[in-house]
Amino acid sequence: MFVVFKHSLQRSLGAMLGWGLSLGLITFYLMALYKPILEQQTELRRLLDAYGEAMLAFFGGRLDIFSPAGYLDFAFFSYIAVVVGFFPIVSGAGLLSTDEERGVLDLLLAYPISRTALFFGRFLALLVSIMVILTLSWIGFALGLPLAELDATPWQLWLPHLSMFAMMVLFGGLSLFLSLLLPKHSWATATAGSILVFNYVVTSMARVYENLETLNKFLPLKYYQGGQAVNGLDTGHFVALTGFGLLFTLLAWQLFLRRDIRVSGEGVWWSMKKNSA
């Protein structure tokens, strides 16, 4: 399994560094902006008041955006979840199905390696990739902390990334499960991506229209803390989101163990592995 893990990690190195370094630059820049924003707080409050409470609420700005938690949520964490969420969705959908559609997966399984080792070796590489991306994002915050004079410690700045990690594990597991259930991995990507975007819109609108809260409470981004985790991580929500992601992963593993591996091309709706003499 270690060989599979190492190879999968090397394969995703470019995407991992591309996402991580980009986020690190953004977070460092946002920290550098915080002090100048505080110095112009009075003028900016008038400008924000002109936009109206409803628009600010949609972007998570109903709280004081000049506080550390409010600023981090409004400037970064309130919207970045739907952007970064596409990394585990695309990676999870292509974790096994891409090689299968190219006619490579059956050749890999011809080697003395079990399906379980292949599955979890690649999944663990995905988890490490997610963690590296979030760590690089956190490093940008940590390096910019002296410039911002933000009333938060480096550890507090890590807590929102843990909340994002749980969300990414959930959508990565969901996408992986769908890729083994649906005929094409592109369908899995589109379905999981649509769920993420729909969830983001509903959760954002629920801050404005309270009648959407009935639907919102069943959606995962409702329990994503974002920048508010600076004030303390909700471990219950973290465990729940991560747990559902791992549940989808285990379901995907069971599908992978039982399905026929096609030689190449598109598949059909999930088919069970045939028993042959």
C-alpha atoms as a PDB file:
ATOM      1  CA  MET A   1       0.000   0.000   0.000  1.00  0.00           C
ATOM      2  CA  PHE A   2       2.909   2.366   0.717  1.00  0.00           C
ATOM      3  CA  VAL A   3       4.093   2.138  -2.901  1.00  0.00           C
ATOM      4  CA  VAL A   4       0.609   3.067  -4.134  1.00  0.00           C
ATOM      5  CA  PHE A   5       0.448   5.927  -1.616  1.00  0.00           C
ATOM      6  CA  LYS A   6       3.857   7.278  -2.664  1.00  0.00           C
ATOM      7  CA  HIS A   7       3.097   7.055  -6.384  1.00  0.00           C
ATOM      8  CA  SER A   8      -0.322   8.726  -5.972  1.00  0.00           C
ATOM      9  CA  LEU A   9       1.206  11.540  -3.929  1.00  0.00           C
ATOM     10  CA  GLN A  10       3.871  12.142  -6.573  1.00  0.00           C
ATOM     11  CA  ARG A  11       1.183  12.200  -9.263  1.00  0.00           C
ATOM     12  CA  SER A  12      -0.762  14.914  -7.462  1.00  0.00           C
ATOM     13  CA  LEU A  13       2.303  16.993  -6.506  1.00  0.00           C
ATOM     14  CA  GLY A  14       1.735  19.672  -9.154  1.00  0.00           C
ATOM     15  CA  ALA A  15      -1.934  20.222  -8.300  1.00  0.00           C
ATOM     16  CA  MET A  16      -1.187  20.101  -4.585  1.00  0.00           C
ATOM     17  CA  LEU A  17       1.524  22.773  -4.761  1.00  0.00           C
ATOM     18  CA  GLY A  18      -0.462  24.864  -7.244  1.00  0.00           C
ATOM     19  CA  TRP A  19      -3.484  25.041  -4.962  1.00  0.00           C
ATOM     20  CA  GLY A  20      -1.465  25.367  -1.745  1.00  0.00           C
ATOM     21  CA  LEU A  21       0.961  28.072  -2.851  1.00  0.00           C
ATOM     22  CA  SER A  22      -1.855  30.083  -4.455  1.00  0.00           C
ATOM     23  CA  LEU A  23      -3.851  29.998  -1.237  1.00  0.00           C
ATOM     24  CA  GLY A  24      -0.730  30.845   0.774  1.00  0.00           C
ATOM     25  CA  LEU A  25      -0.129  33.975  -1.287  1.00  0.00           C
ATOM     26  CA  ILE A  26      -3.763  35.026  -0.931  1.00  0.00           C
ATOM     27  CA  THR A  27      -3.803  34.525   2.834  1.00  0.00           C
ATOM     28  CA  PHE A  28      -0.531  36.423   3.291  1.00  0.00           C
ATOM     29  CA  TYR A  29      -1.933  39.312   1.232  1.00  0.00           C
ATOM     30  CA  LEU A  30      -5.145  39.369   3.280  1.00  0.00           C
ATOM     31  CA  MET A  31      -3.159  39.569   6.504  1.00  0.00           C
ATOM     32  CA  ALA A  32      -1.156  42.481   5.110  1.00  0.00           C
ATOM     33  CA  LEU A  33      -4.446  44.279   4.338  1.00  0.00           C
ATOM     34  CA  TYR A  34      -5.926  43.928   7.832  1.00  0.00           C
ATOM     35  CA  LYS A  35      -4.054  46.775   9.550  1.00  0.00           C
ATOM     36  CA  PRO A  36      -4.746  49.371   6.796  1.00  0.00           C
ATOM     37  CA  ILE A  37      -8.408  48.308   6.859  1.00  0.00           C
ATOM     38  CA  LEU A  38      -8.600  48.882  10.613  1.00  0.00           C
ATOM     39  CA  GLU A  39      -7.059  52.326  10.188  1.00  0.00           C
ATOM     40  CA  GLN A  40      -9.865  53.269   7.778  1.00  0.00           C
ATOM     41  CA  GLN A  41     -12.553  51.521   9.770  1.00  0.00           C
ATOM     42  CA  THR A  42     -14.893  54.517  10.040  1.00  0.00           C
ATOM     43  CA  GLU A  43     -15.001  55.189   6.295  1.00  0.00           C
ATOM     44  CA  LEU A  44     -15.323  51.524   5.464  1.00  0.00           C
ATOM     45  CA  ARG A  45     -18.225  51.073   7.880  1.00  0.00           C
ATOM     46  CA  ARG A  46     -20.138  53.795   6.032  1.00  0.00           C
ATOM     47  CA  LEU A  47     -19.399  52.065   2.723  1.00  0.00           C
ATOM     48  CA  LEU A  48     -20.521  48.680   4.034  1.00  0.00           C
ATOM     49  CA  ASP A  49     -23.690  50.183   5.486  1.00  0.00           C
ATOM     50  CA  ALA A  50     -24.533  51.419   1.996  1.00  0.00           C
ATOM     51  CA  TYR A  51     -24.529  47.835   0.703  1.00  0.00           C
ATOM     52  CA  GLY A  52     -27.184  46.827   3.206  1.00  0.00           C
ATOM     53  CA  GLU A  53     -27.354  44.090   5.822  1.00  0.00           C
ATOM     54  CA  ALA A  54     -28.810  41.484   3.444  1.00  0.00           C
ATOM     55  CA  MET A  55     -25.864  41.594   1.027  1.00  0.00           C
ATOM     56  CA  LEU A  56     -23.312  41.431   3.844  1.00  0.00           C
ATOM     57  CA  ALA A  57     -25.186  38.545   5.444  1.00  0.00           C
ATOM     58  CA  PHE A  58     -25.015  36.556   2.196  1.00  0.00           C
ATOM     59  CA  PHE A  59     -21.211  36.684   2.415  1.00  0.00           C
ATOM     60  CA  GLY A  60     -21.166  35.876   6.103  1.00  0.00           C
ATOM     61  CA  GLY A  61     -20.699  39.487   7.159  1.00  0.00           C
ATOM     62  CA  ARG A  62     -23.558  39.911   9.599  1.00  0.00           C
ATOM     63  CA  LEU A  63     -20.987  39.856  12.425  1.00  0.00           C
ATOM     64  CA  ASP A  64     -18.357  42.564  12.906  1.00  0.00           C
ATOM     65  CA  ILE A  65     -16.026  42.105   9.932  1.00  0.00           C
ATOM     66  CA  PHE A  66     -13.372  44.213  11.654  1.00  0.00           C
ATOM     67  CA  SER A  67     -12.932  41.609  14.398  1.00  0.00           C
ATOM     68  CA  PRO A  68     -10.388  38.824  13.726  1.00  0.00           C
ATOM     69  CA  ALA A  69     -13.049  36.121  13.267  1.00  0.00           C
ATOM     70  CA  GLY A  70     -15.345  38.379  11.250  1.00  0.00           C
ATOM     71  CA  TYR A  71     -12.566  39.596   8.965  1.00  0.00           C
ATOM     72  CA  LEU A  72     -11.194  36.123   8.271  1.00  0.00           C
ATOM     73  CA  ASP A  73     -14.676  34.781   7.579  1.00  0.00           C
ATOM     74  CA  PHE A  74     -15.740  37.644   5.315  1.00  0.00           C
ATOM     75  CA  ALA A  75     -12.429  38.055   3.450  1.00  0.00           C
ATOM     76  CA  PHE A  76     -11.547  34.399   2.951  1.00  0.00           C
ATOM     77  CA  PHE A  77     -13.282  31.479   4.637  1.00  0.00           C
ATOM     78  CA  SER A  78     -16.886  32.341   3.728  1.00  0.00           C
ATOM     79  CA  TYR A  79     -16.319  31.818   0.001  1.00  0.00           C
ATOM     80  CA  ILE A  80     -13.082  29.818  -0.285  1.00  0.00           C
ATOM     81  CA  ALA A  81     -14.828  26.621   0.823  1.00  0.00           C
ATOM     82  CA  VAL A  82     -16.765  26.407  -2.434  1.00  0.00           C
ATOM     83  CA  VAL A  83     -13.563  27.087  -4.422  1.00  0.00           C
ATOM     84  CA  VAL A  84     -11.223  24.700  -2.601  1.00  0.00           C
ATOM     85  CA  GLY A  85     -14.012  22.144  -2.374  1.00  0.00           C
ATOM     86  CA  PHE A  86     -13.531  21.356  -6.051  1.00  0.00           C
ATOM     87  CA  PHE A  87     -10.064  19.920  -5.396  1.00  0.00           C
ATOM     88  CA  PRO A  88     -11.314  16.867  -3.439  1.00  0.00           C
ATOM     89  CA  ILE A  89     -14.323  16.586  -5.742  1.00  0.00           C
ATOM     90  CA  VAL A  90     -12.225  16.363  -8.911  1.00  0.00           C
ATOM     91  CA  SER A  91      -9.526  14.268  -7.235  1.00  0.00           C
ATOM     92  CA  GLY A  92     -12.000  11.927  -5.560  1.00  0.00           C
ATOM     93  CA  ALA A  93     -13.985  11.332  -8.744  1.00  0.00           C
ATOM     94  CA  GLY A  94     -10.826  10.521 -10.670  1.00  0.00           C
ATOM     95  CA  LEU A  95      -9.123   8.506  -7.932  1.00  0.00           C
ATOM     96  CA  LEU A  96      -9.985   5.176  -9.557  1.00  0.00           C
ATOM     97  CA  SER A  97     -12.411   5.849 -12.397  1.00  0.00           C
ATOM     98  CA  THR A  98      -9.999   7.842 -14.564  1.00  0.00           C
ATOM     99  CA  ASP A  99      -7.540   4.947 -14.784  1.00  0.00           C
ATOM    100  CA  GLU A 100     -10.419   2.574 -15.366  1.00  0.00           C
ATOM    101  CA  GLU A 101     -11.771   4.597 -18.277  1.00  0.00           C
ATOM    102  CA  ARG A 102      -8.268   4.747 -19.776  1.00  0.00           C
ATOM    103  CA  GLY A 103      -7.908   0.972 -19.544  1.00  0.00           C
ATOM    104  CA  VAL A 104      -5.091   1.169 -16.981  1.00  0.00           C
ATOM    105  CA  LEU A 105      -6.794  -0.006 -13.801  1.00  0.00           C
ATOM    106  CA  ASP A 106      -7.149  -3.649 -14.835  1.00  0.00           C
ATOM    107  CA  LEU A 107      -3.421  -3.729 -15.664  1.00  0.00           C
ATOM    108  CA  LEU A 108      -2.543  -2.351 -12.231  1.00  0.00           C
ATOM    109  CA  LEU A 109      -4.654  -4.994 -10.541  1.00  0.00           C
ATOM    110  CA  ALA A 110      -2.807  -7.671 -12.493  1.00  0.00           C
ATOM    111  CA  TYR A 111       0.156  -6.962 -10.222  1.00  0.00           C
ATOM    112  CA  PRO A 112       0.287  -8.629  -6.780  1.00  0.00           C
ATOM    113  CA  ILE A 113      -1.711  -5.879  -5.082  1.00  0.00           C
ATOM    114  CA  SER A 114      -5.132  -6.161  -3.523  1.00  0.00           C
ATOM    115  CA  ARG A 115      -8.029  -3.880  -4.346  1.00  0.00           C
ATOM    116  CA  THR A 116      -8.077  -2.735  -0.722  1.00  0.00           C
ATOM    117  CA  ALA A 117      -4.397  -1.707  -0.801  1.00  0.00           C
ATOM    118  CA  LEU A 118      -4.909   0.192  -4.055  1.00  0.00           C
ATOM    119  CA  PHE A 119      -8.039   1.916  -2.787  1.00  0.00           C
ATOM    120  CA  PHE A 120      -6.720   3.066   0.582  1.00  0.00           C
ATOM    121  CA  GLY A 121      -3.242   3.872  -0.725  1.00  0.00           C
ATOM    122  CA  ARG A 122      -4.768   6.369  -3.134  1.00  0.00           C
ATOM    123  CA  PHE A 123      -7.306   7.667  -0.629  1.00  0.00           C
ATOM    124  CA  LEU A 124      -4.617   8.322   1.990  1.00  0.00           C
ATOM    125  CA  ALA A 125      -2.632  10.224  -0.649  1.00  0.00           C
ATOM    126  CA  LEU A 126      -5.717  12.378  -1.262  1.00  0.00           C
ATOM    127  CA  LEU A 127      -6.017  13.117   2.472  1.00  0.00           C
ATOM    128  CA  VAL A 128      -2.344  14.109   2.662  1.00  0.00           C
ATOM    129  CA  SER A 129      -2.747  16.333  -0.412  1.00  0.00           C
ATOM    130  CA  ILE A 130      -5.667  18.117   1.226  1.00  0.00           C
ATOM    131  CA  MET A 131      -3.682  18.597   4.421  1.00  0.00           C
ATOM    132  CA  VAL A 132      -0.664  19.986   2.531  1.00  0.00           C
ATOM    133  CA  ILE A 133      -2.872  22.497   0.687  1.00  0.00           C
ATOM    134  CA  LEU A 134      -4.445  23.692   3.929  1.00  0.00           C
ATOM    135  CA  THR A 135      -1.075  23.829   5.680  1.00  0.00           C
ATOM    136  CA  LEU A 136       0.338  26.099   2.964  1.00  0.00           C
ATOM    137  CA  SER A 137      -2.743  28.302   3.330  1.00  0.00           C
ATOM    138  CA  TRP A 138      -2.148  28.461   7.093  1.00  0.00           C
ATOM    139  CA  ILE A 139       1.542  29.302   6.582  1.00  0.00           C
ATOM    140  CA  GLY A 140       0.477  32.369   4.598  1.00  0.00           C
ATOM    141  CA  PHE A 141      -1.669  33.488   7.526  1.00  0.00           C
ATOM    142  CA  ALA A 142       1.090  32.756  10.043  1.00  0.00           C
ATOM    143  CA  LEU A 143       3.755  34.642   8.071  1.00  0.00           C
ATOM    144  CA  GLY A 144       1.440  37.632   7.687  1.00  0.00           C
ATOM    145  CA  LEU A 145       0.402  37.701  11.340  1.00  0.00           C
ATOM    146  CA  PRO A 146       3.138  40.171  12.449  1.00  0.00           C
ATOM    147  CA  LEU A 147       2.081  42.567   9.663  1.00  0.00           C
ATOM    148  CA  ALA A 148      -1.594  42.391  10.582  1.00  0.00           C
ATOM    149  CA  GLU A 149      -1.233  42.660  14.354  1.00  0.00           C
ATOM    150  CA  LEU A 150      -4.317  40.447  14.443  1.00  0.00           C
ATOM    151  CA  ASP A 151      -5.517  39.467  17.895  1.00  0.00           C
ATOM    152  CA  ALA A 152      -5.090  35.755  17.268  1.00  0.00           C
ATOM    153  CA  THR A 153      -2.405  33.116  17.701  1.00  0.00           C
ATOM    154  CA  PRO A 154      -1.042  30.875  14.920  1.00  0.00           C
ATOM    155  CA  TRP A 155      -2.941  27.960  16.519  1.00  0.00           C
ATOM    156  CA  GLN A 156      -6.208  29.899  16.357  1.00  0.00           C
ATOM    157  CA  LEU A 157      -5.560  30.553  12.669  1.00  0.00           C
ATOM    158  CA  TRP A 158      -5.195  26.796  12.143  1.00  0.00           C
ATOM    159  CA  LEU A 159      -8.649  25.987  13.573  1.00  0.00           C
ATOM    160  CA  PRO A 160     -10.653  27.283  10.549  1.00  0.00           C
ATOM    161  CA  HIS A 161      -8.477  25.077   8.345  1.00  0.00           C
ATOM    162  CA  LEU A 162      -9.509  22.054  10.403  1.00  0.00           C
ATOM    163  CA  SER A 163     -13.137  22.960   9.750  1.00  0.00           C
ATOM    164  CA  MET A 164     -12.330  23.216   6.042  1.00  0.00           C
ATOM    165  CA  PHE A 165     -10.490  19.886   6.171  1.00  0.00           C
ATOM    166  CA  ALA A 166     -13.634  18.166   7.462  1.00  0.00           C
ATOM    167  CA  MET A 167     -15.700  19.708   4.666  1.00  0.00           C
ATOM    168  CA  MET A 168     -13.170  18.639   2.026  1.00  0.00           C
ATOM    169  CA  VAL A 169     -13.061  15.070   3.359  1.00  0.00           C
ATOM    170  CA  LEU A 170     -16.849  14.949   3.136  1.00  0.00           C
ATOM    171  CA  PHE A 171     -17.018  16.078  -0.501  1.00  0.00           C
ATOM    172  CA  GLY A 172     -13.990  14.001  -1.449  1.00  0.00           C
ATOM    173  CA  GLY A 173     -15.637  10.878  -0.026  1.00  0.00           C
ATOM    174  CA  LEU A 174     -18.952  11.730  -1.675  1.00  0.00           C
ATOM    175  CA  SER A 175     -17.288  12.265  -5.060  1.00  0.00           C
ATOM    176  CA  LEU A 176     -15.352   8.997  -4.761  1.00  0.00           C
ATOM    177  CA  PHE A 177     -18.553   7.121  -3.912  1.00  0.00           C
ATOM    178  CA  LEU A 178     -20.406   8.661  -6.859  1.00  0.00           C
ATOM    179  CA  SER A 179     -17.548   7.804  -9.232  1.00  0.00           C
ATOM    180  CA  LEU A 180     -18.051   4.118  -8.446  1.00  0.00           C
ATOM    181  CA  LEU A 181     -21.817   4.374  -8.630  1.00  0.00           C
ATOM    182  CA  LEU A 182     -22.275   6.392 -11.818  1.00  0.00           C
ATOM    183  CA  PRO A 183     -21.182   5.365 -15.348  1.00  0.00           C
ATOM    184  CA  LYS A 184     -18.569   8.121 -15.789  1.00  0.00           C
ATOM    185  CA  HIS A 185     -16.279   9.955 -13.408  1.00  0.00           C
ATOM    186  CA  SER A 186     -17.265  13.228 -15.107  1.00  0.00           C
ATOM    187  CA  TRP A 187     -20.841  12.604 -13.972  1.00  0.00           C
ATOM    188  CA  ALA A 188     -19.598  12.149 -10.419  1.00  0.00           C
ATOM    189  CA  THR A 189     -17.633  15.400 -10.615  1.00  0.00           C
ATOM    190  CA  ALA A 190     -20.626  17.307 -11.980  1.00  0.00           C
ATOM    191  CA  THR A 191     -23.033  15.849  -9.423  1.00  0.00           C
ATOM    192  CA  ALA A 192     -20.820  16.465  -6.386  1.00  0.00           C
ATOM    193  CA  GLY A 193     -19.889  19.928  -7.683  1.00  0.00           C
ATOM    194  CA  SER A 194     -23.540  20.828  -8.181  1.00  0.00           C
ATOM    195  CA  ILE A 195     -24.326  19.703  -4.638  1.00  0.00           C
ATOM    196  CA  LEU A 196     -21.508  21.888  -3.294  1.00  0.00           C
ATOM    197  CA  VAL A 197     -22.605  24.996  -5.215  1.00  0.00           C
ATOM    198  CA  PHE A 198     -26.275  24.431  -4.354  1.00  0.00           C
ATOM    199  CA  ASN A 199     -25.322  23.999  -0.702  1.00  0.00           C
ATOM    200  CA  TYR A 200     -23.291  27.228  -0.741  1.00  0.00           C
ATOM    201  CA  VAL A 201     -26.132  29.243  -2.269  1.00  0.00           C
ATOM    202  CA  VAL A 202     -28.771  27.852   0.116  1.00  0.00           C
ATOM    203  CA  THR A 203     -26.571  28.326   3.204  1.00  0.00           C
ATOM    204  CA  SER A 204     -25.751  31.897   2.160  1.00  0.00           C
ATOM    205  CA  MET A 205     -29.378  32.733   1.361  1.00  0.00           C
ATOM    206  CA  ALA A 206     -30.530  31.210   4.652  1.00  0.00           C
ATOM    207  CA  ARG A 207     -28.713  34.033   6.451  1.00  0.00           C
ATOM    208  CA  VAL A 208     -31.087  36.416   4.678  1.00  0.00           C
ATOM    209  CA  TYR A 209     -34.285  34.350   4.338  1.00  0.00           C
ATOM    210  CA  GLU A 210     -34.989  32.405   7.494  1.00  0.00           C
ATOM    211  CA  ASN A 211     -37.562  30.165   5.794  1.00  0.00           C
ATOM    212  CA  LEU A 212     -34.645  28.406   4.037  1.00  0.00           C
ATOM    213  CA  GLU A 213     -33.275  27.265   7.382  1.00  0.00           C
ATOM    214  CA  THR A 214     -35.484  24.154   7.317  1.00  0.00           C
ATOM    215  CA  LEU A 215     -33.600  22.937   4.235  1.00  0.00           C
ATOM    216  CA  ASN A 216     -30.268  24.383   5.295  1.00  0.00           C
ATOM    217  CA  LYS A 217     -30.030  22.308   8.469  1.00  0.00           C
ATOM    218  CA  PHE A 218     -29.692  19.159   6.343  1.00  0.00           C
ATOM    219  CA  LEU A 219     -26.791  20.552   4.291  1.00  0.00           C
ATOM    220  CA  PRO A 220     -23.120  20.124   5.293  1.00  0.00           C
ATOM    221  CA  LEU A 221     -21.971  23.745   4.827  1.00  0.00           C
ATOM    222  CA  LYS A 222     -24.416  24.710   7.559  1.00  0.00           C
ATOM    223  CA  TYR A 223     -21.957  23.059   9.944  1.00  0.00           C
ATOM    224  CA  TYR A 224     -18.810  24.478   8.383  1.00  0.00           C
ATOM    225  CA  GLN A 225     -17.520  27.157  10.780  1.00  0.00           C
ATOM    226  CA  GLY A 226     -15.125  29.029   8.538  1.00  0.00           C
ATOM    227  CA  GLY A 227     -13.403  31.982  10.178  1.00  0.00           C
ATOM    228  CA  GLN A 228     -15.607  31.747  13.261  1.00  0.00           C
ATOM    229  CA  ALA A 229     -13.536  28.716  14.306  1.00  0.00           C
ATOM    230  CA  VAL A 230     -10.859  31.216  15.400  1.00  0.00           C
ATOM    231  CA  ASN A 231     -12.960  31.609  18.553  1.00  0.00           C
ATOM    232  CA  GLY A 232     -13.018  27.826  19.084  1.00  0.00           C
ATOM    233  CA  LEU A 233     -13.517  24.763  16.913  1.00  0.00           C
ATOM    234  CA  ASP A 234     -16.873  23.009  17.231  1.00  0.00           C
ATOM    235  CA  THR A 235     -15.564  19.467  17.617  1.00  0.00           C
ATOM    236  CA  GLY A 236     -19.045  17.976  17.225  1.00  0.00           C
ATOM    237  CA  HIS A 237     -19.493  19.472  13.776  1.00  0.00           C
ATOM    238  CA  PHE A 238     -15.901  18.578  12.856  1.00  0.00           C
ATOM    239  CA  VAL A 239     -16.405  14.926  13.821  1.00  0.00           C
ATOM    240  CA  ALA A 240     -19.791  14.757  12.065  1.00  0.00           C
ATOM    241  CA  LEU A 241     -18.540  16.157   8.741  1.00  0.00           C
ATOM    242  CA  THR A 242     -15.401  14.009   8.802  1.00  0.00           C
ATOM    243  CA  GLY A 243     -17.434  10.968   9.832  1.00  0.00           C
ATOM    244  CA  PHE A 244     -19.850  11.298   6.907  1.00  0.00           C
ATOM    245  CA  GLY A 245     -16.901  11.711   4.546  1.00  0.00           C
ATOM    246  CA  LEU A 246     -15.321   8.510   5.851  1.00  0.00           C
ATOM    247  CA  LEU A 247     -18.687   6.751   5.657  1.00  0.00           C
ATOM    248  CA  PHE A 248     -18.973   7.602   1.950  1.00  0.00           C
ATOM    249  CA  THR A 249     -15.395   6.377   1.552  1.00  0.00           C
ATOM    250  CA  LEU A 250     -16.176   3.021   3.162  1.00  0.00           C
ATOM    251  CA  LEU A 251     -19.248   2.643   0.946  1.00  0.00           C
ATOM    252  CA  ALA A 252     -17.072   3.405  -2.088  1.00  0.00           C
ATOM    253  CA  TRP A 253     -14.558   0.783  -0.916  1.00  0.00           C
ATOM    254  CA  GLN A 254     -17.286  -1.857  -0.715  1.00  0.00           C
ATOM    255  CA  LEU A 255     -18.485  -0.962  -4.225  1.00  0.00           C
ATOM    256  CA  PHE A 256     -14.926  -1.200  -5.516  1.00  0.00           C
ATOM    257  CA  LEU A 257     -14.470  -4.661  -4.001  1.00  0.00           C
ATOM    258  CA  ARG A 258     -17.657  -5.976  -5.622  1.00  0.00           C
ATOM    259  CA  ARG A 259     -17.691  -4.373  -9.048  1.00  0.00           C
ATOM    260  CA  ASP A 260     -16.422  -5.569 -12.409  1.00  0.00           C
ATOM    261  CA  ILE A 261     -13.376  -3.645 -13.630  1.00  0.00           C
ATOM    262  CA  ARG A 262     -13.996  -2.606 -17.226  1.00  0.00           C
ATOM    263  CA  VAL A 263     -11.135  -2.679 -19.702  1.00  0.00           C
ATOM    264  CA  SER A 264     -11.707   0.896 -20.912  1.00  0.00           C
ATOM    265  CA  GLY A 265     -14.346   3.432 -21.854  1.00  0.00           C
ATOM    266  CA  GLU A 266     -17.512   4.453 -20.092  1.00  0.00           C
ATOM    267  CA  GLY A 267     -19.323   2.113 -17.747  1.00  0.00           C
ATOM    268  CA  VAL A 268     -22.886   1.399 -16.791  1.00  0.00           C
ATOM    269  CA  TRP A 269     -24.796   2.062 -13.613  1.00  0.00           C
ATOM    270  CA  TRP A 270     -22.964   0.191 -10.854  1.00  0.00           C
ATOM    271  CA  SER A 271     -22.580  -3.530 -11.532  1.00  0.00           C
ATOM    272  CA  MET A 272     -21.646  -6.160  -8.978  1.00  0.00           C
ATOM    273  CA  LYS A 273     -18.565  -8.318  -9.408  1.00  0.00           C
ATOM    274  CA  LYS A 274     -19.524 -11.584 -10.994  1.00  0.00           C
ATOM    275  CA  ASN A 275     -18.736 -14.863  -9.313  1.00  0.00           C
ATOM    276  CA  SER A 276     -16.828 -17.036 -11.724  1.00  0.00           C
ATOM    277  CA  ALA A 277     -15.514 -20.537 -11.294  1.00  0.00           C
END
